[in-house]
Amino acid sequence: MMKSLIIPTISCENCRVKKIKCNKRLYKCSNCIKNNLKCYYKKGEYISKLKNTNTIHLKKYNDIIKTKENIIVNQIELVYLQNSIDVQLNDILKVSIKFY
């Protein structure tokens, strides 16, 4: 099972105090790297964004797959039906040729 990436919901403490945009990179944001600062976030202010996003995408793709499966099943049934009709028509033609 893939481990979900934890993305902070708010800026790191350094960016928040300086009131600058934080890219919220895990472990160290770009501003902290550039200024050689220890990057830290307040405890308890994290969300598992990737996990939620993956769940939404998986449901969407699952629905698409089910739809395509149904289309394929319907096409297979049509092919079987057409083959059955072809066999019946051939039988009818054979019988009608014998009478002529």
PDB file of N, CA and C in Angstrom:
ATOM      1  N   MET A   1       0.838  -1.176   0.000  1.00  0.00           N
ATOM      2  CA  MET A   1       0.000   0.000   0.000  1.00  0.00           C
ATOM      3  C   MET A   1       0.886   1.243   0.000  1.00  0.00           C
ATOM      4  N   MET A   2       0.521   2.224  -0.855  1.00  0.00           N
ATOM      5  CA  MET A   2       1.322   3.427  -0.959  1.00  0.00           C
ATOM      6  C   MET A   2       1.114   4.317   0.266  1.00  0.00           C
ATOM      7  N   LYS A   3       2.201   4.791   0.810  1.00  0.00           N
ATOM      8  CA  LYS A   3       2.131   5.678   1.964  1.00  0.00           C
ATOM      9  C   LYS A   3       1.692   7.055   1.478  1.00  0.00           C
ATOM     10  N   SER A   4       0.702   7.651   2.136  1.00  0.00           N
ATOM     11  CA  SER A   4       0.211   8.947   1.671  1.00  0.00           C
ATOM     12  C   SER A   4       1.162  10.067   2.098  1.00  0.00           C
ATOM     13  N   LEU A   5       1.287  11.049   1.238  1.00  0.00           N
ATOM     14  CA  LEU A   5       2.143  12.203   1.491  1.00  0.00           C
ATOM     15  C   LEU A   5       1.384  13.197   2.353  1.00  0.00           C
ATOM     16  N   ILE A   6       2.008  13.656   3.403  1.00  0.00           N
ATOM     17  CA  ILE A   6       1.372  14.622   4.299  1.00  0.00           C
ATOM     18  C   ILE A   6       1.747  16.027   3.834  1.00  0.00           C
ATOM     19  N   ILE A   7       0.741  16.841   3.536  1.00  0.00           N
ATOM     20  CA  ILE A   7       0.964  18.207   3.085  1.00  0.00           C
ATOM     21  C   ILE A   7       0.379  19.157   4.122  1.00  0.00           C
ATOM     22  N   PRO A   8       1.167  20.135   4.587  1.00  0.00           N
ATOM     23  CA  PRO A   8       0.650  21.067   5.589  1.00  0.00           C
ATOM     24  C   PRO A   8      -0.521  21.881   5.043  1.00  0.00           C
ATOM     25  N   THR A   9      -1.451  22.217   5.915  1.00  0.00           N
ATOM     26  CA  THR A   9      -2.596  23.029   5.505  1.00  0.00           C
ATOM     27  C   THR A   9      -2.271  24.512   5.537  1.00  0.00           C
ATOM     28  N   ILE A  10      -1.263  24.904   6.326  1.00  0.00           N
ATOM     29  CA  ILE A  10      -0.863  26.312   6.399  1.00  0.00           C
ATOM     30  C   ILE A  10       0.641  26.409   6.180  1.00  0.00           C
ATOM     31  N   SER A  11       1.116  27.637   6.089  1.00  0.00           N
ATOM     32  CA  SER A  11       2.538  27.892   5.861  1.00  0.00           C
ATOM     33  C   SER A  11       3.378  27.463   7.062  1.00  0.00           C
ATOM     34  N   CYS A  12       4.679  27.286   6.790  1.00  0.00           N
ATOM     35  CA  CYS A  12       5.585  26.983   7.902  1.00  0.00           C
ATOM     36  C   CYS A  12       5.651  28.209   8.818  1.00  0.00           C
ATOM     37  N   GLU A  13       6.166  28.029  10.007  1.00  0.00           N
ATOM     38  CA  GLU A  13       6.188  29.110  10.995  1.00  0.00           C
ATOM     39  C   GLU A  13       7.029  30.305  10.525  1.00  0.00           C
ATOM     40  N   ASN A  14       8.154  30.048   9.855  1.00  0.00           N
ATOM     41  CA  ASN A  14       9.001  31.151   9.378  1.00  0.00           C
ATOM     42  C   ASN A  14       8.281  31.999   8.340  1.00  0.00           C
ATOM     43  N   CYS A  15       7.645  31.347   7.376  1.00  0.00           N
ATOM     44  CA  CYS A  15       6.910  32.084   6.337  1.00  0.00           C
ATOM     45  C   CYS A  15       5.696  32.793   6.932  1.00  0.00           C
ATOM     46  N   ARG A  16       5.045  32.143   7.873  1.00  0.00           N
ATOM     47  CA  ARG A  16       3.857  32.730   8.498  1.00  0.00           C
ATOM     48  C   ARG A  16       4.234  34.011   9.257  1.00  0.00           C
ATOM     49  N   VAL A  17       5.328  33.959  10.003  1.00  0.00           N
ATOM     50  CA  VAL A  17       5.769  35.126  10.775  1.00  0.00           C
ATOM     51  C   VAL A  17       6.186  36.261   9.824  1.00  0.00           C
ATOM     52  N   LYS A  18       6.898  35.923   8.747  1.00  0.00           N
ATOM     53  CA  LYS A  18       7.355  36.942   7.784  1.00  0.00           C
ATOM     54  C   LYS A  18       6.230  37.359   6.830  1.00  0.00           C
ATOM     55  N   LYS A  19       5.108  36.630   6.879  1.00  0.00           N
ATOM     56  CA  LYS A  19       3.952  36.875   6.014  1.00  0.00           C
ATOM     57  C   LYS A  19       4.336  36.838   4.538  1.00  0.00           C
ATOM     58  N   ILE A  20       5.054  35.755   4.192  1.00  0.00           N
ATOM     59  CA  ILE A  20       5.418  35.526   2.791  1.00  0.00           C
ATOM     60  C   ILE A  20       4.835  34.191   2.340  1.00  0.00           C
ATOM     61  N   LYS A  21       4.741  34.027   1.031  1.00  0.00           N
ATOM     62  CA  LYS A  21       4.154  32.805   0.476  1.00  0.00           C
ATOM     63  C   LYS A  21       5.073  31.608   0.733  1.00  0.00           C
ATOM     64  N   CYS A  22       4.468  30.537   1.203  1.00  0.00           N
ATOM     65  CA  CYS A  22       5.199  29.298   1.502  1.00  0.00           C
ATOM     66  C   CYS A  22       4.743  28.233   0.507  1.00  0.00           C
ATOM     67  N   ASN A  23       5.697  27.493  -0.073  1.00  0.00           N
ATOM     68  CA  ASN A  23       5.286  26.431  -0.999  1.00  0.00           C
ATOM     69  C   ASN A  23       4.960  25.125  -0.263  1.00  0.00           C
ATOM     70  N   LYS A  24       5.083  25.107   1.062  1.00  0.00           N
ATOM     71  CA  LYS A  24       4.662  24.002   1.931  1.00  0.00           C
ATOM     72  C   LYS A  24       5.311  22.664   1.569  1.00  0.00           C
ATOM     73  N   ARG A  25       6.517  22.695   1.080  1.00  0.00           N
ATOM     74  CA  ARG A  25       7.219  21.450   0.765  1.00  0.00           C
ATOM     75  C   ARG A  25       7.502  20.681   2.037  1.00  0.00           C
ATOM     76  N   LEU A  26       7.370  19.385   1.925  1.00  0.00           N
ATOM     77  CA  LEU A  26       7.607  18.533   3.081  1.00  0.00           C
ATOM     78  C   LEU A  26       9.076  18.604   3.487  1.00  0.00           C
ATOM     79  N   TYR A  27       9.322  18.640   4.744  1.00  0.00           N
ATOM     80  CA  TYR A  27      10.642  18.711   5.375  1.00  0.00           C
ATOM     81  C   TYR A  27      11.216  20.126   5.363  1.00  0.00           C
ATOM     82  N   LYS A  28      11.239  20.807   4.194  1.00  0.00           N
ATOM     83  CA  LYS A  28      11.795  22.156   4.159  1.00  0.00           C
ATOM     84  C   LYS A  28      11.245  22.910   2.949  1.00  0.00           C
ATOM     85  N   CYS A  29      10.604  24.048   3.219  1.00  0.00           N
ATOM     86  CA  CYS A  29      10.061  24.854   2.118  1.00  0.00           C
ATOM     87  C   CYS A  29      11.207  25.597   1.428  1.00  0.00           C
ATOM     88  N   SER A  30      10.941  26.136   0.239  1.00  0.00           N
ATOM     89  CA  SER A  30      12.000  26.795  -0.529  1.00  0.00           C
ATOM     90  C   SER A  30      12.527  28.052   0.154  1.00  0.00           C
ATOM     91  N   ASN A  31      11.662  28.786   0.866  1.00  0.00           N
ATOM     92  CA  ASN A  31      12.130  29.982   1.579  1.00  0.00           C
ATOM     93  C   ASN A  31      13.098  29.618   2.698  1.00  0.00           C
ATOM     94  N   CYS A  32      12.803  28.573   3.423  1.00  0.00           N
ATOM     95  CA  CYS A  32      13.703  28.131   4.505  1.00  0.00           C
ATOM     96  C   CYS A  32      15.018  27.605   3.945  1.00  0.00           C
ATOM     97  N   ILE A  33      14.945  26.936   2.802  1.00  0.00           N
ATOM     98  CA  ILE A  33      16.182  26.453   2.164  1.00  0.00           C
ATOM     99  C   ILE A  33      17.034  27.647   1.742  1.00  0.00           C
ATOM    100  N   LYS A  34      16.385  28.623   1.081  1.00  0.00           N
ATOM    101  CA  LYS A  34      17.094  29.807   0.582  1.00  0.00           C
ATOM    102  C   LYS A  34      17.736  30.605   1.725  1.00  0.00           C
ATOM    103  N   ASN A  35      17.044  30.709   2.853  1.00  0.00           N
ATOM    104  CA  ASN A  35      17.550  31.479   3.995  1.00  0.00           C
ATOM    105  C   ASN A  35      18.263  30.619   5.037  1.00  0.00           C
ATOM    106  N   ASN A  36      18.435  29.341   4.722  1.00  0.00           N
ATOM    107  CA  ASN A  36      19.119  28.394   5.595  1.00  0.00           C
ATOM    108  C   ASN A  36      18.511  28.385   7.006  1.00  0.00           C
ATOM    109  N   LEU A  37      17.185  28.276   7.065  1.00  0.00           N
ATOM    110  CA  LEU A  37      16.455  28.249   8.336  1.00  0.00           C
ATOM    111  C   LEU A  37      15.881  26.859   8.586  1.00  0.00           C
ATOM    112  N   LYS A  38      15.649  26.574   9.849  1.00  0.00           N
ATOM    113  CA  LYS A  38      14.972  25.328  10.196  1.00  0.00           C
ATOM    114  C   LYS A  38      13.486  25.499   9.864  1.00  0.00           C
ATOM    115  N   CYS A  39      12.970  24.641   9.044  1.00  0.00           N
ATOM    116  CA  CYS A  39      11.574  24.730   8.610  1.00  0.00           C
ATOM    117  C   CYS A  39      10.723  23.841   9.512  1.00  0.00           C
ATOM    118  N   TYR A  40       9.693  24.429  10.125  1.00  0.00           N
ATOM    119  CA  TYR A  40       8.825  23.637  10.998  1.00  0.00           C
ATOM    120  C   TYR A  40       7.394  24.164  10.916  1.00  0.00           C
ATOM    121  N   TYR A  41       6.478  23.255  11.174  1.00  0.00           N
ATOM    122  CA  TYR A  41       5.047  23.543  11.114  1.00  0.00           C
ATOM    123  C   TYR A  41       4.451  23.291  12.497  1.00  0.00           C
ATOM    124  N   LYS A  42       3.378  23.996  12.802  1.00  0.00           N
ATOM    125  CA  LYS A  42       2.684  23.744  14.057  1.00  0.00           C
ATOM    126  C   LYS A  42       2.120  22.333  14.048  1.00  0.00           C
ATOM    127  N   LYS A  43       2.241  21.660  15.149  1.00  0.00           N
ATOM    128  CA  LYS A  43       1.749  20.289  15.260  1.00  0.00           C
ATOM    129  C   LYS A  43       0.223  20.258  15.132  1.00  0.00           C
ATOM    130  N   GLY A  44      -0.283  19.258  14.431  1.00  0.00           N
ATOM    131  CA  GLY A  44      -1.722  19.072  14.307  1.00  0.00           C
ATOM    132  C   GLY A  44      -2.351  19.857  13.171  1.00  0.00           C
ATOM    133  N   GLU A  45      -1.548  20.531  12.363  1.00  0.00           N
ATOM    134  CA  GLU A  45      -2.101  21.301  11.254  1.00  0.00           C
ATOM    135  C   GLU A  45      -1.715  20.677   9.914  1.00  0.00           C
ATOM    136  N   TYR A  46      -1.879  19.393   9.810  1.00  0.00           N
ATOM    137  CA  TYR A  46      -1.565  18.657   8.593  1.00  0.00           C
ATOM    138  C   TYR A  46      -2.814  17.956   8.077  1.00  0.00           C
ATOM    139  N   ILE A  47      -2.845  17.739   6.790  1.00  0.00           N
ATOM    140  CA  ILE A  47      -3.906  16.914   6.201  1.00  0.00           C
ATOM    141  C   ILE A  47      -3.260  15.909   5.261  1.00  0.00           C
ATOM    142  N   SER A  48      -3.949  14.846   5.045  1.00  0.00           N
ATOM    143  CA  SER A  48      -3.474  13.850   4.090  1.00  0.00           C
ATOM    144  C   SER A  48      -4.142  14.142   2.747  1.00  0.00           C
ATOM    145  N   LYS A  49      -3.653  15.194   2.098  1.00  0.00           N
ATOM    146  CA  LYS A  49      -4.269  15.664   0.860  1.00  0.00           C
ATOM    147  C   LYS A  49      -4.137  14.641  -0.256  1.00  0.00           C
ATOM    148  N   LEU A  50      -2.971  14.043  -0.377  1.00  0.00           N
ATOM    149  CA  LEU A  50      -2.747  13.095  -1.455  1.00  0.00           C
ATOM    150  C   LEU A  50      -3.688  11.898  -1.337  1.00  0.00           C
ATOM    151  N   LYS A  51      -3.890  11.422  -0.128  1.00  0.00           N
ATOM    152  CA  LYS A  51      -4.782  10.280   0.079  1.00  0.00           C
ATOM    153  C   LYS A  51      -6.199  10.622  -0.384  1.00  0.00           C
ATOM    154  N   ASN A  52      -6.702  11.802  -0.003  1.00  0.00           N
ATOM    155  CA  ASN A  52      -8.038  12.216  -0.423  1.00  0.00           C
ATOM    156  C   ASN A  52      -8.111  12.381  -1.930  1.00  0.00           C
ATOM    157  N   THR A  53      -7.092  12.987  -2.523  1.00  0.00           N
ATOM    158  CA  THR A  53      -7.063  13.190  -3.968  1.00  0.00           C
ATOM    159  C   THR A  53      -7.035  11.848  -4.688  1.00  0.00           C
ATOM    160  N   ASN A  54      -6.201  10.927  -4.212  1.00  0.00           N
ATOM    161  CA  ASN A  54      -6.132   9.609  -4.843  1.00  0.00           C
ATOM    162  C   ASN A  54      -7.468   8.883  -4.760  1.00  0.00           C
ATOM    163  N   THR A  55      -8.154   8.998  -3.632  1.00  0.00           N
ATOM    164  CA  THR A  55      -9.450   8.339  -3.477  1.00  0.00           C
ATOM    165  C   THR A  55     -10.449   8.871  -4.499  1.00  0.00           C
ATOM    166  N   ILE A  56     -10.468  10.185  -4.680  1.00  0.00           N
ATOM    167  CA  ILE A  56     -11.379  10.796  -5.655  1.00  0.00           C
ATOM    168  C   ILE A  56     -11.047  10.310  -7.060  1.00  0.00           C
ATOM    169  N   HIS A  57      -9.759  10.320  -7.413  1.00  0.00           N
ATOM    170  CA  HIS A  57      -9.352   9.878  -8.743  1.00  0.00           C
ATOM    171  C   HIS A  57      -9.649   8.398  -8.956  1.00  0.00           C
ATOM    172  N   LEU A  58      -9.407   7.579  -7.937  1.00  0.00           N
ATOM    173  CA  LEU A  58      -9.673   6.152  -8.064  1.00  0.00           C
ATOM    174  C   LEU A  58     -11.152   5.885  -8.303  1.00  0.00           C
ATOM    175  N   LYS A  59     -12.034   6.604  -7.599  1.00  0.00           N
ATOM    176  CA  LYS A  59     -13.469   6.435  -7.807  1.00  0.00           C
ATOM    177  C   LYS A  59     -13.853   6.838  -9.229  1.00  0.00           C
ATOM    178  N   LYS A  60     -13.281   7.949  -9.696  1.00  0.00           N
ATOM    179  CA  LYS A  60     -13.572   8.428 -11.050  1.00  0.00           C
ATOM    180  C   LYS A  60     -13.134   7.390 -12.089  1.00  0.00           C
ATOM    181  N   TYR A  61     -11.906   6.895 -11.969  1.00  0.00           N
ATOM    182  CA  TYR A  61     -11.399   5.930 -12.927  1.00  0.00           C
ATOM    183  C   TYR A  61     -12.122   4.588 -12.814  1.00  0.00           C
ATOM    184  N   ASN A  62     -12.544   4.229 -11.621  1.00  0.00           N
ATOM    185  CA  ASN A  62     -13.306   3.003 -11.434  1.00  0.00           C
ATOM    186  C   ASN A  62     -14.638   3.092 -12.186  1.00  0.00           C
ATOM    187  N   ASP A  63     -15.294   4.253 -12.113  1.00  0.00           N
ATOM    188  CA  ASP A  63     -16.545   4.462 -12.843  1.00  0.00           C
ATOM    189  C   ASP A  63     -16.316   4.376 -14.352  1.00  0.00           C
ATOM    190  N   ILE A  64     -15.219   4.961 -14.829  1.00  0.00           N
ATOM    191  CA  ILE A  64     -14.898   4.906 -16.259  1.00  0.00           C
ATOM    192  C   ILE A  64     -14.667   3.466 -16.685  1.00  0.00           C
ATOM    193  N   ILE A  65     -13.938   2.709 -15.880  1.00  0.00           N
ATOM    194  CA  ILE A  65     -13.652   1.308 -16.206  1.00  0.00           C
ATOM    195  C   ILE A  65     -14.941   0.491 -16.250  1.00  0.00           C
ATOM    196  N   LYS A  66     -15.836   0.708 -15.272  1.00  0.00           N
ATOM    197  CA  LYS A  66     -17.102  -0.021 -15.263  1.00  0.00           C
ATOM    198  C   LYS A  66     -17.917   0.281 -16.511  1.00  0.00           C
ATOM    199  N   THR A  67     -17.947   1.543 -16.916  1.00  0.00           N
ATOM    200  CA  THR A  67     -18.680   1.935 -18.116  1.00  0.00           C
ATOM    201  C   THR A  67     -18.098   1.240 -19.348  1.00  0.00           C
ATOM    202  N   LYS A  68     -16.784   1.253 -19.464  1.00  0.00           N
ATOM    203  CA  LYS A  68     -16.133   0.614 -20.611  1.00  0.00           C
ATOM    204  C   LYS A  68     -16.338  -0.899 -20.591  1.00  0.00           C
ATOM    205  N   GLU A  69     -16.319  -1.504 -19.409  1.00  0.00           N
ATOM    206  CA  GLU A  69     -16.595  -2.940 -19.302  1.00  0.00           C
ATOM    207  C   GLU A  69     -18.001  -3.258 -19.805  1.00  0.00           C
ATOM    208  N   ASN A  70     -18.966  -2.427 -19.419  1.00  0.00           N
ATOM    209  CA  ASN A  70     -20.338  -2.633 -19.879  1.00  0.00           C
ATOM    210  C   ASN A  70     -20.439  -2.517 -21.394  1.00  0.00           C
ATOM    211  N   ILE A  71     -19.732  -1.565 -21.973  1.00  0.00           N
ATOM    212  CA  ILE A  71     -19.733  -1.404 -23.430  1.00  0.00           C
ATOM    213  C   ILE A  71     -19.154  -2.648 -24.087  1.00  0.00           C
ATOM    214  N   ILE A  72     -18.051  -3.150 -23.556  1.00  0.00           N
ATOM    215  CA  ILE A  72     -17.408  -4.334 -24.125  1.00  0.00           C
ATOM    216  C   ILE A  72     -18.328  -5.551 -24.021  1.00  0.00           C
ATOM    217  N   VAL A  73     -18.964  -5.725 -22.865  1.00  0.00           N
ATOM    218  CA  VAL A  73     -19.888  -6.856 -22.683  1.00  0.00           C
ATOM    219  C   VAL A  73     -21.030  -6.762 -23.690  1.00  0.00           C
ATOM    220  N   ASN A  74     -21.569  -5.562 -23.884  1.00  0.00           N
ATOM    221  CA  ASN A  74     -22.653  -5.380 -24.854  1.00  0.00           C
ATOM    222  C   ASN A  74     -22.189  -5.689 -26.274  1.00  0.00           C
ATOM    223  N   GLN A  75     -20.979  -5.285 -26.614  1.00  0.00           N
ATOM    224  CA  GLN A  75     -20.447  -5.568 -27.947  1.00  0.00           C
ATOM    225  C   GLN A  75     -20.236  -7.067 -28.146  1.00  0.00           C
ATOM    226  N   ILE A  76     -19.750  -7.742 -27.120  1.00  0.00           N
ATOM    227  CA  ILE A  76     -19.566  -9.201 -27.210  1.00  0.00           C
ATOM    228  C   ILE A  76     -20.913  -9.888 -27.401  1.00  0.00           C
ATOM    229  N   GLU A  77     -21.922  -9.447 -26.660  1.00  0.00           N
ATOM    230  CA  GLU A  77     -23.259 -10.029 -26.814  1.00  0.00           C
ATOM    231  C   GLU A  77     -23.791  -9.807 -28.224  1.00  0.00           C
ATOM    232  N   LEU A  78     -23.525  -8.625 -28.784  1.00  0.00           N
ATOM    233  CA  LEU A  78     -23.964  -8.346 -30.156  1.00  0.00           C
ATOM    234  C   LEU A  78     -23.257  -9.251 -31.165  1.00  0.00           C
ATOM    235  N   VAL A  79     -21.976  -9.495 -30.952  1.00  0.00           N
ATOM    236  CA  VAL A  79     -21.231 -10.378 -31.853  1.00  0.00           C
ATOM    237  C   VAL A  79     -21.802 -11.801 -31.783  1.00  0.00           C
ATOM    238  N   TYR A  80     -22.073 -12.294 -30.573  1.00  0.00           N
ATOM    239  CA  TYR A  80     -22.660 -13.623 -30.423  1.00  0.00           C
ATOM    240  C   TYR A  80     -24.030 -13.696 -31.091  1.00  0.00           C
ATOM    241  N   LEU A  81     -24.811 -12.642 -30.907  1.00  0.00           N
ATOM    242  CA  LEU A  81     -26.136 -12.601 -31.517  1.00  0.00           C
ATOM    243  C   LEU A  81     -26.027 -12.596 -33.038  1.00  0.00           C
ATOM    244  N   GLN A  82     -25.101 -11.797 -33.570  1.00  0.00           N
ATOM    245  CA  GLN A  82     -24.901 -11.742 -35.023  1.00  0.00           C
ATOM    246  C   GLN A  82     -24.434 -13.096 -35.551  1.00  0.00           C
ATOM    247  N   ASN A  83     -23.542 -13.755 -34.841  1.00  0.00           N
ATOM    248  CA  ASN A  83     -23.076 -15.078 -35.255  1.00  0.00           C
ATOM    249  C   ASN A  83     -24.217 -16.079 -35.235  1.00  0.00           C
ATOM    250  N   SER A  84     -25.047 -15.993 -34.226  1.00  0.00           N
ATOM    251  CA  SER A  84     -26.199 -16.889 -34.139  1.00  0.00           C
ATOM    252  C   SER A  84     -27.152 -16.660 -35.311  1.00  0.00           C
ATOM    253  N   ILE A  85     -27.393 -15.406 -35.633  1.00  0.00           N
ATOM    254  CA  ILE A  85     -28.264 -15.076 -36.766  1.00  0.00           C
ATOM    255  C   ILE A  85     -27.656 -15.576 -38.069  1.00  0.00           C
ATOM    256  N   ASP A  86     -26.332 -15.401 -38.225  1.00  0.00           N
ATOM    257  CA  ASP A  86     -25.652 -15.872 -39.433  1.00  0.00           C
ATOM    258  C   ASP A  86     -25.779 -17.382 -39.588  1.00  0.00           C
ATOM    259  N   VAL A  87     -25.629 -18.116 -38.503  1.00  0.00           N
ATOM    260  CA  VAL A  87     -25.757 -19.580 -38.540  1.00  0.00           C
ATOM    261  C   VAL A  87     -27.178 -19.968 -38.935  1.00  0.00           C
ATOM    262  N   GLN A  88     -28.153 -19.302 -38.344  1.00  0.00           N
ATOM    263  CA  GLN A  88     -29.552 -19.598 -38.669  1.00  0.00           C
ATOM    264  C   GLN A  88     -29.857 -19.275 -40.128  1.00  0.00           C
ATOM    265  N   LEU A  89     -29.334 -18.152 -40.623  1.00  0.00           N
ATOM    266  CA  LEU A  89     -29.555 -17.792 -42.030  1.00  0.00           C
ATOM    267  C   LEU A  89     -28.899 -18.804 -42.966  1.00  0.00           C
ATOM    268  N   ASN A  90     -27.726 -19.266 -42.614  1.00  0.00           N
ATOM    269  CA  ASN A  90     -27.051 -20.284 -43.433  1.00  0.00           C
ATOM    270  C   ASN A  90     -27.869 -21.570 -43.472  1.00  0.00           C
ATOM    271  N   ASP A  91     -28.419 -21.948 -42.333  1.00  0.00           N
ATOM    272  CA  ASP A  91     -29.259 -23.144 -42.287  1.00  0.00           C
ATOM    273  C   ASP A  91     -30.496 -22.975 -43.162  1.00  0.00           C
ATOM    274  N   ILE A  92     -31.103 -21.803 -43.106  1.00  0.00           N
ATOM    275  CA  ILE A  92     -32.290 -21.522 -43.923  1.00  0.00           C
ATOM    276  C   ILE A  92     -31.926 -21.552 -45.403  1.00  0.00           C
ATOM    277  N   LEU A  93     -30.785 -20.969 -45.740  1.00  0.00           N
ATOM    278  CA  LEU A  93     -30.352 -20.957 -47.135  1.00  0.00           C
ATOM    279  C   LEU A  93     -30.071 -22.373 -47.638  1.00  0.00           C
ATOM    280  N   LYS A  94     -29.466 -23.196 -46.822  1.00  0.00           N
ATOM    281  CA  LYS A  94     -29.182 -24.579 -47.206  1.00  0.00           C
ATOM    282  C   LYS A  94     -30.473 -25.334 -47.477  1.00  0.00           C
ATOM    283  N   VAL A  95     -31.438 -25.124 -46.613  1.00  0.00           N
ATOM    284  CA  VAL A  95     -32.716 -25.803 -46.776  1.00  0.00           C
ATOM    285  C   VAL A  95     -33.421 -25.284 -48.026  1.00  0.00           C
ATOM    286  N   SER A  96     -33.410 -23.988 -48.249  1.00  0.00           N
ATOM    287  CA  SER A  96     -34.097 -23.421 -49.405  1.00  0.00           C
ATOM    288  C   SER A  96     -33.407 -23.828 -50.698  1.00  0.00           C
ATOM    289  N   ILE A  97     -32.091 -23.972 -50.715  1.00  0.00           N
ATOM    290  CA  ILE A  97     -31.374 -24.412 -51.915  1.00  0.00           C
ATOM    291  C   ILE A  97     -31.740 -25.853 -52.253  1.00  0.00           C
ATOM    292  N   LYS A  98     -31.938 -26.678 -51.267  1.00  0.00           N
ATOM    293  CA  LYS A  98     -32.292 -28.083 -51.501  1.00  0.00           C
ATOM    294  C   LYS A  98     -33.663 -28.181 -52.188  1.00  0.00           C
ATOM    295  N   PHE A  99     -34.536 -27.257 -51.894  1.00  0.00           N
ATOM    296  CA  PHE A  99     -35.878 -27.300 -52.487  1.00  0.00           C
ATOM    297  C   PHE A  99     -35.895 -26.777 -53.910  1.00  0.00           C
ATOM    298  N   TYR A 100     -34.899 -26.064 -54.340  1.00  0.00           N
ATOM    299  CA  TYR A 100     -34.895 -25.508 -55.690  1.00  0.00           C
ATOM    300  C   TYR A 100     -34.088 -26.315 -56.623  1.00  0.00           C
TER     301      TYR A 100
END
